[in-house]
Amino acid sequence: MITEISVDGWFTLVLDEGGESLRYWTHDIEKLRVLFGEDRVEINEHWSVIHQRHGGGSTNYISITQNPRPCVFEEPEGELHELLETHGGFSISGEEALRRIKAREASKEES
């Protein structure tokens, strides 16, 4: 059960088994507020998410961490496979992805 949520994103989760208190941070406190005081909240530390199952099998997931880092807002540069290796992923529009693929194919044809 979530027992405390601060405005800076930190919250306290008390486990049903043994009453252990855990502290986490999330960037989405508005979604977290919906779960405040609710039972059956589940945490998955492997995937760094907290969620609660609803009727019909639907689940809302909220990203959490115990070690928050600032978000990086730089435009991704370089080959997409390199960004996967160096940054762990990237976020670009479908239009930008197609542009990059076409540019890469054109440079291969020139060489």
N, C-alpha and C. Protein backbone atom coordinates (compact mmCIF):
# COMPACT_ATOMS: atom_id res chain seq x y z
N MET A 1 0.84 -1.17 0.00
CA MET A 1 0.00 0.00 0.00
C MET A 1 0.89 1.25 0.00
N ILE A 2 0.54 2.22 -0.82
CA ILE A 2 1.26 3.49 -0.84
C ILE A 2 0.73 4.35 0.30
N THR A 3 1.62 4.76 1.20
CA THR A 3 1.19 5.50 2.38
C THR A 3 1.60 6.96 2.37
N GLU A 4 2.49 7.35 1.46
CA GLU A 4 2.95 8.74 1.42
C GLU A 4 3.43 9.07 0.01
N ILE A 5 3.06 10.26 -0.48
CA ILE A 5 3.53 10.75 -1.77
C ILE A 5 3.93 12.21 -1.58
N SER A 6 5.17 12.54 -1.94
CA SER A 6 5.62 13.93 -1.83
C SER A 6 5.55 14.60 -3.20
N VAL A 7 5.52 15.93 -3.20
CA VAL A 7 5.38 16.67 -4.45
C VAL A 7 6.60 16.53 -5.36
N ASP A 8 7.74 16.11 -4.80
CA ASP A 8 8.95 15.96 -5.63
C ASP A 8 9.06 14.56 -6.24
N GLY A 9 8.02 13.73 -6.08
CA GLY A 9 8.00 12.42 -6.73
C GLY A 9 8.36 11.24 -5.85
N TRP A 10 8.87 11.47 -4.64
CA TRP A 10 9.21 10.37 -3.74
C TRP A 10 7.94 9.85 -3.08
N PHE A 11 7.87 8.53 -2.90
CA PHE A 11 6.71 7.95 -2.23
C PHE A 11 7.15 6.76 -1.39
N THR A 12 6.31 6.41 -0.41
CA THR A 12 6.57 5.28 0.48
C THR A 12 5.55 4.19 0.18
N LEU A 13 6.06 2.98 0.05
CA LEU A 13 5.23 1.80 -0.20
C LEU A 13 5.45 0.86 0.97
N VAL A 14 4.38 0.46 1.65
CA VAL A 14 4.47 -0.49 2.75
C VAL A 14 4.01 -1.85 2.24
N LEU A 15 4.89 -2.84 2.37
CA LEU A 15 4.58 -4.19 1.89
C LEU A 15 3.61 -4.89 2.83
N ASP A 16 2.72 -5.67 2.25
CA ASP A 16 1.77 -6.45 3.05
C ASP A 16 2.49 -7.48 3.90
N GLU A 17 3.50 -8.12 3.31
CA GLU A 17 4.25 -9.16 4.02
C GLU A 17 5.29 -8.50 4.93
N GLY A 18 5.02 -8.45 6.20
CA GLY A 18 5.99 -7.97 7.17
C GLY A 18 5.97 -6.48 7.43
N GLY A 19 5.24 -5.70 6.65
CA GLY A 19 5.13 -4.27 6.90
C GLY A 19 6.36 -3.45 6.56
N GLU A 20 7.26 -3.99 5.75
CA GLU A 20 8.48 -3.27 5.38
C GLU A 20 8.13 -2.04 4.55
N SER A 21 8.78 -0.89 4.86
CA SER A 21 8.58 0.34 4.10
C SER A 21 9.69 0.51 3.08
N LEU A 22 9.32 0.80 1.84
CA LEU A 22 10.29 1.04 0.77
C LEU A 22 10.05 2.43 0.20
N ARG A 23 11.14 3.12 -0.18
CA ARG A 23 11.05 4.46 -0.77
C ARG A 23 11.42 4.38 -2.24
N TYR A 24 10.59 4.99 -3.08
CA TYR A 24 10.83 5.04 -4.52
C TYR A 24 10.53 6.45 -5.02
N TRP A 25 10.96 6.69 -6.26
CA TRP A 25 10.68 7.96 -6.93
C TRP A 25 10.01 7.67 -8.26
N THR A 26 9.12 8.54 -8.67
CA THR A 26 8.48 8.45 -9.97
C THR A 26 8.36 9.83 -10.59
N HIS A 27 8.35 9.88 -11.91
CA HIS A 27 8.15 11.15 -12.60
C HIS A 27 6.66 11.43 -12.81
N ASP A 28 5.81 10.49 -12.48
CA ASP A 28 4.38 10.60 -12.77
C ASP A 28 3.55 10.49 -11.50
N ILE A 29 3.63 11.52 -10.64
CA ILE A 29 2.93 11.44 -9.36
C ILE A 29 1.41 11.50 -9.53
N GLU A 30 0.93 12.09 -10.63
CA GLU A 30 -0.53 12.15 -10.83
C GLU A 30 -1.12 10.75 -11.00
N LYS A 31 -0.46 9.89 -11.78
CA LYS A 31 -0.93 8.50 -11.91
C LYS A 31 -0.80 7.77 -10.58
N LEU A 32 0.28 8.07 -9.86
CA LEU A 32 0.52 7.39 -8.58
C LEU A 32 -0.56 7.75 -7.56
N ARG A 33 -1.03 8.98 -7.59
CA ARG A 33 -2.06 9.42 -6.63
C ARG A 33 -3.32 8.55 -6.71
N VAL A 34 -3.62 8.02 -7.89
CA VAL A 34 -4.79 7.16 -8.07
C VAL A 34 -4.64 5.89 -7.22
N LEU A 35 -3.39 5.45 -7.02
CA LEU A 35 -3.14 4.22 -6.26
C LEU A 35 -2.97 4.47 -4.76
N PHE A 36 -2.97 5.74 -4.32
CA PHE A 36 -2.72 6.06 -2.92
C PHE A 36 -3.73 5.35 -2.02
N GLY A 37 -3.21 4.61 -1.03
CA GLY A 37 -4.05 3.92 -0.05
C GLY A 37 -4.73 2.67 -0.57
N GLU A 38 -4.52 2.33 -1.83
CA GLU A 38 -5.16 1.15 -2.41
C GLU A 38 -4.42 -0.13 -2.04
N ASP A 39 -5.17 -1.20 -1.87
CA ASP A 39 -4.58 -2.52 -1.67
C ASP A 39 -4.29 -3.13 -3.04
N ARG A 40 -3.62 -4.25 -3.04
CA ARG A 40 -3.29 -5.02 -4.25
C ARG A 40 -2.39 -4.26 -5.22
N VAL A 41 -1.62 -3.33 -4.72
CA VAL A 41 -0.61 -2.68 -5.55
C VAL A 41 0.58 -3.62 -5.63
N GLU A 42 1.06 -3.87 -6.82
CA GLU A 42 2.19 -4.78 -7.02
C GLU A 42 3.40 -4.01 -7.51
N ILE A 43 4.57 -4.47 -7.09
CA ILE A 43 5.81 -3.84 -7.51
C ILE A 43 6.66 -4.88 -8.22
N ASN A 44 7.27 -4.47 -9.31
CA ASN A 44 8.18 -5.34 -10.05
C ASN A 44 9.50 -4.60 -10.16
N GLU A 45 10.44 -4.92 -9.27
CA GLU A 45 11.72 -4.22 -9.25
C GLU A 45 12.58 -4.55 -10.46
N HIS A 46 12.40 -5.73 -11.04
CA HIS A 46 13.18 -6.09 -12.23
C HIS A 46 12.87 -5.13 -13.37
N TRP A 47 11.61 -4.80 -13.58
CA TRP A 47 11.19 -3.89 -14.65
C TRP A 47 11.02 -2.46 -14.15
N SER A 48 11.24 -2.21 -12.86
CA SER A 48 11.12 -0.87 -12.26
C SER A 48 9.74 -0.26 -12.48
N VAL A 49 8.72 -1.03 -12.16
CA VAL A 49 7.34 -0.53 -12.30
C VAL A 49 6.51 -0.91 -11.08
N ILE A 50 5.49 -0.13 -10.86
CA ILE A 50 4.47 -0.43 -9.87
C ILE A 50 3.14 -0.46 -10.63
N HIS A 51 2.23 -1.33 -10.22
CA HIS A 51 0.96 -1.42 -10.94
C HIS A 51 -0.12 -2.02 -10.05
N GLN A 52 -1.34 -1.87 -10.50
CA GLN A 52 -2.48 -2.49 -9.84
C GLN A 52 -3.37 -3.09 -10.92
N ARG A 53 -3.70 -4.34 -10.75
CA ARG A 53 -4.57 -5.01 -11.73
C ARG A 53 -6.02 -4.57 -11.52
N HIS A 54 -6.70 -4.36 -12.63
CA HIS A 54 -8.11 -3.97 -12.59
C HIS A 54 -8.94 -5.09 -13.18
N GLY A 55 -10.23 -5.01 -13.02
CA GLY A 55 -11.13 -6.00 -13.61
C GLY A 55 -10.96 -6.05 -15.12
N GLY A 56 -11.14 -7.22 -15.67
CA GLY A 56 -10.99 -7.39 -17.11
C GLY A 56 -9.56 -7.55 -17.55
N GLY A 57 -8.63 -7.64 -16.60
CA GLY A 57 -7.23 -7.88 -16.94
C GLY A 57 -6.42 -6.65 -17.27
N SER A 58 -7.00 -5.45 -17.19
CA SER A 58 -6.23 -4.25 -17.51
C SER A 58 -5.31 -3.88 -16.36
N THR A 59 -4.19 -3.29 -16.69
CA THR A 59 -3.20 -2.89 -15.69
C THR A 59 -2.60 -1.55 -16.08
N ASN A 60 -2.47 -0.66 -15.12
CA ASN A 60 -1.76 0.60 -15.34
C ASN A 60 -0.38 0.49 -14.73
N TYR A 61 0.66 0.73 -15.52
CA TYR A 61 2.03 0.65 -15.04
C TYR A 61 2.59 2.05 -14.84
N ILE A 62 3.37 2.21 -13.76
CA ILE A 62 4.03 3.48 -13.47
C ILE A 62 5.50 3.18 -13.25
N SER A 63 6.35 3.90 -13.95
CA SER A 63 7.79 3.73 -13.84
C SER A 63 8.28 4.26 -12.49
N ILE A 64 9.16 3.49 -11.82
CA ILE A 64 9.69 3.88 -10.51
C ILE A 64 11.18 3.61 -10.46
N THR A 65 11.84 4.23 -9.49
CA THR A 65 13.26 3.97 -9.25
C THR A 65 13.61 4.37 -7.82
N GLN A 66 14.71 3.81 -7.32
CA GLN A 66 15.25 4.26 -6.04
C GLN A 66 16.42 5.20 -6.26
N ASN A 67 16.86 5.33 -7.51
CA ASN A 67 18.00 6.20 -7.86
C ASN A 67 17.63 7.09 -9.05
N PRO A 68 16.86 8.17 -8.80
CA PRO A 68 16.44 9.01 -9.93
C PRO A 68 17.61 9.71 -10.59
N ARG A 69 17.52 9.82 -11.90
CA ARG A 69 18.50 10.56 -12.69
C ARG A 69 17.74 11.55 -13.55
N PRO A 70 18.36 12.67 -13.87
CA PRO A 70 17.66 13.63 -14.72
C PRO A 70 17.43 13.05 -16.11
N CYS A 71 16.30 13.41 -16.71
CA CYS A 71 16.00 12.97 -18.07
C CYS A 71 16.91 13.70 -19.05
N VAL A 72 17.33 13.00 -20.08
CA VAL A 72 18.17 13.60 -21.11
C VAL A 72 17.26 14.05 -22.24
N PHE A 73 17.34 15.33 -22.59
CA PHE A 73 16.47 15.89 -23.62
C PHE A 73 17.23 16.26 -24.88
N GLU A 74 18.34 15.61 -25.13
CA GLU A 74 19.12 15.91 -26.33
C GLU A 74 18.57 15.15 -27.52
N GLU A 75 18.69 15.75 -28.69
CA GLU A 75 18.28 15.09 -29.93
C GLU A 75 19.25 13.95 -30.20
N PRO A 76 18.76 12.74 -30.41
CA PRO A 76 19.66 11.61 -30.64
C PRO A 76 20.43 11.78 -31.95
N GLU A 77 21.73 11.56 -31.89
CA GLU A 77 22.58 11.65 -33.07
C GLU A 77 23.35 10.36 -33.21
N GLY A 78 23.63 9.97 -34.44
CA GLY A 78 24.39 8.76 -34.70
C GLY A 78 23.50 7.65 -35.21
N GLU A 79 24.13 6.51 -35.46
CA GLU A 79 23.41 5.34 -35.95
C GLU A 79 22.49 4.82 -34.84
N LEU A 80 21.31 4.37 -35.22
CA LEU A 80 20.34 3.92 -34.23
C LEU A 80 20.83 2.74 -33.42
N HIS A 81 21.55 1.80 -34.06
CA HIS A 81 22.06 0.65 -33.30
C HIS A 81 23.11 1.09 -32.29
N GLU A 82 23.87 2.16 -32.61
CA GLU A 82 24.85 2.68 -31.65
C GLU A 82 24.15 3.34 -30.46
N LEU A 83 23.04 4.03 -30.73
CA LEU A 83 22.28 4.65 -29.64
C LEU A 83 21.71 3.60 -28.68
N LEU A 84 21.35 2.45 -29.22
CA LEU A 84 20.89 1.36 -28.35
C LEU A 84 22.00 0.92 -27.41
N GLU A 85 23.22 0.82 -27.94
CA GLU A 85 24.35 0.37 -27.13
C GLU A 85 24.81 1.43 -26.14
N THR A 86 24.90 2.70 -26.57
CA THR A 86 25.45 3.75 -25.71
C THR A 86 24.45 4.35 -24.75
N HIS A 87 23.17 4.45 -25.17
CA HIS A 87 22.17 5.11 -24.34
C HIS A 87 21.10 4.16 -23.79
N GLY A 88 21.12 2.92 -24.25
CA GLY A 88 20.10 1.98 -23.81
C GLY A 88 18.79 2.14 -24.55
N GLY A 89 18.76 3.01 -25.55
CA GLY A 89 17.55 3.22 -26.34
C GLY A 89 17.49 4.64 -26.85
N PHE A 90 16.40 4.98 -27.48
CA PHE A 90 16.20 6.32 -28.02
C PHE A 90 14.73 6.51 -28.30
N SER A 91 14.35 7.75 -28.52
CA SER A 91 12.97 8.06 -28.86
C SER A 91 12.97 9.05 -30.01
N ILE A 92 12.48 8.61 -31.15
CA ILE A 92 12.36 9.48 -32.31
C ILE A 92 11.03 9.20 -32.99
N SER A 93 10.59 10.14 -33.79
CA SER A 93 9.32 9.95 -34.50
C SER A 93 9.50 8.92 -35.61
N GLY A 94 8.40 8.34 -36.04
CA GLY A 94 8.45 7.40 -37.16
C GLY A 94 8.98 8.07 -38.41
N GLU A 95 8.58 9.33 -38.61
CA GLU A 95 9.05 10.10 -39.77
C GLU A 95 10.57 10.25 -39.74
N GLU A 96 11.12 10.55 -38.56
CA GLU A 96 12.58 10.69 -38.44
C GLU A 96 13.27 9.36 -38.65
N ALA A 97 12.69 8.28 -38.16
CA ALA A 97 13.29 6.96 -38.36
C ALA A 97 13.35 6.62 -39.84
N LEU A 98 12.28 6.89 -40.58
CA LEU A 98 12.27 6.63 -42.02
C LEU A 98 13.30 7.50 -42.75
N ARG A 99 13.41 8.77 -42.33
CA ARG A 99 14.41 9.65 -42.94
C ARG A 99 15.81 9.10 -42.75
N ARG A 100 16.10 8.64 -41.55
CA ARG A 100 17.44 8.10 -41.26
C ARG A 100 17.70 6.82 -42.05
N ILE A 101 16.70 5.97 -42.18
CA ILE A 101 16.87 4.73 -42.94
C ILE A 101 17.15 5.04 -44.40
N LYS A 102 16.38 5.97 -44.97
CA LYS A 102 16.59 6.35 -46.37
C LYS A 102 17.96 6.97 -46.58
N ALA A 103 18.39 7.83 -45.66
CA ALA A 103 19.70 8.46 -45.77
C ALA A 103 20.81 7.41 -45.69
N ARG A 104 20.63 6.43 -44.82
CA ARG A 104 21.65 5.37 -44.70
C ARG A 104 21.71 4.54 -45.97
N GLU A 105 20.55 4.20 -46.53
CA GLU A 105 20.52 3.42 -47.78
C GLU A 105 21.15 4.20 -48.92
N ALA A 106 20.89 5.51 -48.98
CA ALA A 106 21.47 6.35 -50.04
C ALA A 106 22.98 6.41 -49.92
N SER A 107 23.50 6.50 -48.69
CA SER A 107 24.96 6.55 -48.52
C SER A 107 25.60 5.22 -48.87
N LYS A 108 24.90 4.11 -48.65
CA LYS A 108 25.42 2.79 -49.04
C LYS A 108 25.49 2.68 -50.56
N GLU A 109 24.48 3.21 -51.26
CA GLU A 109 24.46 3.14 -52.72
C GLU A 109 25.56 3.98 -53.34
N GLU A 110 25.93 5.09 -52.67
CA GLU A 110 26.98 5.97 -53.19
C GLU A 110 28.36 5.34 -53.06
N SER A 111 28.53 4.48 -52.09
CA SER A 111 29.86 3.89 -51.88
C SER A 111 30.06 2.59 -52.59
